[in-house]
Every structure is written in C-alpha cells, then in structure tokens.
Amino acid sequence: MKILIAEDEPEIAQMVKFKLEREGFDVIWESNGGSAFKAAQDEHPDLILLDIMMPVMDGLQVLKKLKSDEKLKHIPVIMLTSKGQERDVVTGIEGGARDYVVKPFRPAELLARIKQILNN
C-alpha cells in the first residue's frame, strides 16, 4: 500500500516515513502542497497524511482540491498538523479528512489510525 506524506518539516516527515516503511508501506514524501497534489494525481496513494501549514498551497487547499477531483476524492486523508484548536479540527473534518492528528503525536498511535482506516 502506498502512503503520501505532505509535510514541510523534514524531521517529522523522515520519522513518519521510516516508521511506515518498517511496516511495509511504500511512502512518497512531498514538502509543499502543490507538489503533494501533483503526486496524488500521479501516484494515486491509498492514504494521504496532510499537514496544514505548508508552502505553495496549504493543506486545507490541497484537501479541497482532492475532494473535488473525481479520481482522487475517495483517497482517505489524515490531517497531521500543529493546528489543534477546535475550529481547525472541525474545518478539517468538514472538509473531508477522515481523521485529524495534532502534533506532537505518538507514532504508534498514528500508525494504528492509518491501519484502521486502510483496513475498513
């Protein structure tokens, strides 16, 4: 299974990528919203981990484009972001995100959430 990580902080992206690859996932990492959307179009991942605060296009803009695209709207998205206020979470979920994880996060918990979404 293929997972796209859209995250502009290399330390976080590399740590998540390492954990996911150890679990057998193929991982694509993009560091800005524009390249992440393009990768989603090209690669059709099974799940997307999407930060909100990124250059070029923020995560909410990417989410909106994903959910309005007939070929991509089925891909589950987990928002993975430091924006943890209630209105941020509500905006992400109402925008179509399947789950919302606030940084800092526990890697094992994130992995469990990913597996739960992919197995349903």
C-alpha atoms as a PDB file:
ATOM      1  CA  MET A   1       0.000   0.000   0.000  1.00  0.00           C
ATOM      2  CA  LYS A   2       1.162   3.493  -0.833  1.00  0.00           C
ATOM      3  CA  ILE A   3       1.041   6.489   1.509  1.00  0.00           C
ATOM      4  CA  LEU A   4       1.715  10.094   0.551  1.00  0.00           C
ATOM      5  CA  ILE A   5       3.162  12.329   3.263  1.00  0.00           C
ATOM      6  CA  ALA A   6       2.654  16.055   2.640  1.00  0.00           C
ATOM      7  CA  GLU A   7       4.852  17.661   5.291  1.00  0.00           C
ATOM      8  CA  ASP A   8       7.277  20.581   5.101  1.00  0.00           C
ATOM      9  CA  GLU A   9       9.230  19.706   8.268  1.00  0.00           C
ATOM     10  CA  PRO A  10      11.909  17.191   7.189  1.00  0.00           C
ATOM     11  CA  GLU A  11      12.440  15.766  10.686  1.00  0.00           C
ATOM     12  CA  ILE A  12       8.779  14.851  11.070  1.00  0.00           C
ATOM     13  CA  ALA A  13       8.466  13.560   7.515  1.00  0.00           C
ATOM     14  CA  GLN A  14      11.567  11.369   7.803  1.00  0.00           C
ATOM     15  CA  MET A  15      10.468   9.908  11.142  1.00  0.00           C
ATOM     16  CA  VAL A  16       6.976   9.067   9.842  1.00  0.00           C
ATOM     17  CA  LYS A  17       8.420   7.730   6.576  1.00  0.00           C
ATOM     18  CA  PHE A  18      10.820   5.466   8.496  1.00  0.00           C
ATOM     19  CA  LYS A  19       8.023   4.093  10.710  1.00  0.00           C
ATOM     20  CA  LEU A  20       5.729   3.441   7.759  1.00  0.00           C
ATOM     21  CA  GLU A  21       8.408   1.795   5.634  1.00  0.00           C
ATOM     22  CA  ARG A  22       9.273  -0.514   8.561  1.00  0.00           C
ATOM     23  CA  GLU A  23       5.612  -1.592   8.459  1.00  0.00           C
ATOM     24  CA  GLY A  24       5.889  -2.405   4.756  1.00  0.00           C
ATOM     25  CA  PHE A  25       4.262   0.674   3.226  1.00  0.00           C
ATOM     26  CA  ASP A  26       5.512   2.412   0.094  1.00  0.00           C
ATOM     27  CA  VAL A  27       5.977   6.064   1.064  1.00  0.00           C
ATOM     28  CA  ILE A  28       6.109   9.203  -1.039  1.00  0.00           C
ATOM     29  CA  TRP A  29       7.111  12.447   0.647  1.00  0.00           C
ATOM     30  CA  GLU A  30       6.364  15.917  -0.699  1.00  0.00           C
ATOM     31  CA  SER A  31       7.323  19.097   1.143  1.00  0.00           C
ATOM     32  CA  ASN A  32       4.731  21.522  -0.249  1.00  0.00           C
ATOM     33  CA  GLY A  33       1.062  21.459  -1.086  1.00  0.00           C
ATOM     34  CA  GLY A  34       1.480  21.946  -4.820  1.00  0.00           C
ATOM     35  CA  SER A  35       3.837  19.009  -5.288  1.00  0.00           C
ATOM     36  CA  ALA A  36       1.722  16.906  -2.903  1.00  0.00           C
ATOM     37  CA  PHE A  37      -1.405  17.421  -5.017  1.00  0.00           C
ATOM     38  CA  LYS A  38       0.566  16.576  -8.175  1.00  0.00           C
ATOM     39  CA  ALA A  39       1.925  13.414  -6.506  1.00  0.00           C
ATOM     40  CA  ALA A  40      -1.630  12.422  -5.547  1.00  0.00           C
ATOM     41  CA  GLN A  41      -2.670  12.806  -9.191  1.00  0.00           C
ATOM     42  CA  ASP A  42       0.317  10.836 -10.481  1.00  0.00           C
ATOM     43  CA  GLU A  43       0.621   8.124  -7.824  1.00  0.00           C
ATOM     44  CA  HIS A  44      -2.960   7.568  -6.548  1.00  0.00           C
ATOM     45  CA  PRO A  45      -1.863   6.687  -2.993  1.00  0.00           C
ATOM     46  CA  ASP A  46      -4.014   4.571  -0.695  1.00  0.00           C
ATOM     47  CA  LEU A  47      -3.881   7.246   2.034  1.00  0.00           C
ATOM     48  CA  ILE A  48      -2.567  10.798   2.442  1.00  0.00           C
ATOM     49  CA  LEU A  49      -1.064  12.335   5.583  1.00  0.00           C
ATOM     50  CA  LEU A  50      -1.565  16.068   5.122  1.00  0.00           C
ATOM     51  CA  ASP A  51      -0.061  18.954   7.064  1.00  0.00           C
ATOM     52  CA  ILE A  52      -1.948  22.255   7.002  1.00  0.00           C
ATOM     53  CA  MET A  53       0.829  24.824   7.167  1.00  0.00           C
ATOM     54  CA  MET A  54       2.906  24.233   4.017  1.00  0.00           C
ATOM     55  CA  PRO A  55       4.325  26.424   1.274  1.00  0.00           C
ATOM     56  CA  VAL A  56       2.838  26.863  -2.219  1.00  0.00           C
ATOM     57  CA  MET A  57      -0.612  25.529  -1.225  1.00  0.00           C
ATOM     58  CA  ASP A  58      -1.744  24.902   2.348  1.00  0.00           C
ATOM     59  CA  GLY A  59      -3.196  21.575   3.419  1.00  0.00           C
ATOM     60  CA  LEU A  60      -6.779  22.793   3.508  1.00  0.00           C
ATOM     61  CA  GLN A  61      -6.473  23.970  -0.098  1.00  0.00           C
ATOM     62  CA  VAL A  62      -5.000  20.590  -1.050  1.00  0.00           C
ATOM     63  CA  LEU A  63      -7.827  18.804   0.787  1.00  0.00           C
ATOM     64  CA  LYS A  64     -10.435  20.875  -1.076  1.00  0.00           C
ATOM     65  CA  LYS A  65      -8.824  20.068  -4.445  1.00  0.00           C
ATOM     66  CA  LEU A  66      -8.559  16.372  -3.587  1.00  0.00           C
ATOM     67  CA  LYS A  67     -12.204  16.123  -2.555  1.00  0.00           C
ATOM     68  CA  SER A  68     -13.404  17.954  -5.670  1.00  0.00           C
ATOM     69  CA  ASP A  69     -11.457  15.659  -8.018  1.00  0.00           C
ATOM     70  CA  GLU A  70     -13.463  12.620  -9.182  1.00  0.00           C
ATOM     71  CA  LYS A  71     -10.338  10.442  -9.437  1.00  0.00           C
ATOM     72  CA  LEU A  72      -8.931  11.430  -6.021  1.00  0.00           C
ATOM     73  CA  LYS A  73     -11.882  12.130  -3.722  1.00  0.00           C
ATOM     74  CA  HIS A  74     -12.027   8.522  -2.494  1.00  0.00           C
ATOM     75  CA  ILE A  75      -8.485   8.657  -1.033  1.00  0.00           C
ATOM     76  CA  PRO A  76      -8.667   8.869   2.769  1.00  0.00           C
ATOM     77  CA  VAL A  77      -6.832  11.847   4.277  1.00  0.00           C
ATOM     78  CA  ILE A  78      -5.484  12.190   7.794  1.00  0.00           C
ATOM     79  CA  MET A  79      -4.642  15.761   8.729  1.00  0.00           C
ATOM     80  CA  LEU A  80      -1.333  15.740  10.639  1.00  0.00           C
ATOM     81  CA  THR A  81      -0.776  19.254  11.907  1.00  0.00           C
ATOM     82  CA  SER A  82       0.095  21.506  14.814  1.00  0.00           C
ATOM     83  CA  LYS A  83      -3.167  23.419  14.323  1.00  0.00           C
ATOM     84  CA  GLY A  84      -5.157  21.829  17.110  1.00  0.00           C
ATOM     85  CA  GLN A  85      -7.850  24.301  18.052  1.00  0.00           C
ATOM     86  CA  GLU A  86     -11.416  23.047  17.841  1.00  0.00           C
ATOM     87  CA  ARG A  87     -12.235  25.184  14.787  1.00  0.00           C
ATOM     88  CA  ASP A  88      -9.168  23.771  12.968  1.00  0.00           C
ATOM     89  CA  VAL A  89     -10.244  20.189  13.655  1.00  0.00           C
ATOM     90  CA  VAL A  90     -13.840  20.906  12.615  1.00  0.00           C
ATOM     91  CA  THR A  91     -12.671  22.620   9.409  1.00  0.00           C
ATOM     92  CA  GLY A  92     -10.503  19.619   8.503  1.00  0.00           C
ATOM     93  CA  ILE A  93     -13.174  17.020   9.224  1.00  0.00           C
ATOM     94  CA  GLU A  94     -15.910  19.011   7.480  1.00  0.00           C
ATOM     95  CA  GLY A  95     -13.539  19.463   4.538  1.00  0.00           C
ATOM     96  CA  GLY A  96     -13.387  15.713   4.081  1.00  0.00           C
ATOM     97  CA  ALA A  97     -10.499  14.498   6.239  1.00  0.00           C
ATOM     98  CA  ARG A  98     -11.103  11.035   7.676  1.00  0.00           C
ATOM     99  CA  ASP A  99      -9.077  11.782  10.818  1.00  0.00           C
ATOM    100  CA  TYR A 100      -7.190  14.650  12.446  1.00  0.00           C
ATOM    101  CA  VAL A 101      -3.982  14.148  14.438  1.00  0.00           C
ATOM    102  CA  VAL A 102      -2.383  17.051  16.298  1.00  0.00           C
ATOM    103  CA  LYS A 103       1.406  17.451  16.639  1.00  0.00           C
ATOM    104  CA  PRO A 104       3.180  16.447  18.714  1.00  0.00           C
ATOM    105  CA  PHE A 105       1.798  12.965  18.197  1.00  0.00           C
ATOM    106  CA  ARG A 106       2.646   9.418  19.211  1.00  0.00           C
ATOM    107  CA  PRO A 107       3.980   7.494  16.183  1.00  0.00           C
ATOM    108  CA  ALA A 108       2.420   4.199  17.320  1.00  0.00           C
ATOM    109  CA  GLU A 109      -0.985   5.882  17.651  1.00  0.00           C
ATOM    110  CA  LEU A 110      -0.673   7.419  14.182  1.00  0.00           C
ATOM    111  CA  LEU A 111       0.231   4.006  12.760  1.00  0.00           C
ATOM    112  CA  ALA A 112      -2.803   2.437  14.453  1.00  0.00           C
ATOM    113  CA  ARG A 113      -5.079   5.120  12.972  1.00  0.00           C
ATOM    114  CA  ILE A 114      -3.596   4.571   9.496  1.00  0.00           C
ATOM    115  CA  LYS A 115      -4.071   0.808   9.710  1.00  0.00           C
ATOM    116  CA  GLN A 116      -7.624   1.196  10.995  1.00  0.00           C
ATOM    117  CA  ILE A 117      -8.581   3.433   8.065  1.00  0.00           C
ATOM    118  CA  LEU A 118      -6.887   1.219   5.467  1.00  0.00           C
ATOM    119  CA  ASN A 119      -8.483  -1.943   6.833  1.00  0.00           C
ATOM    120  CA  ASN A 120     -12.054  -0.574   6.639  1.00  0.00           C
END
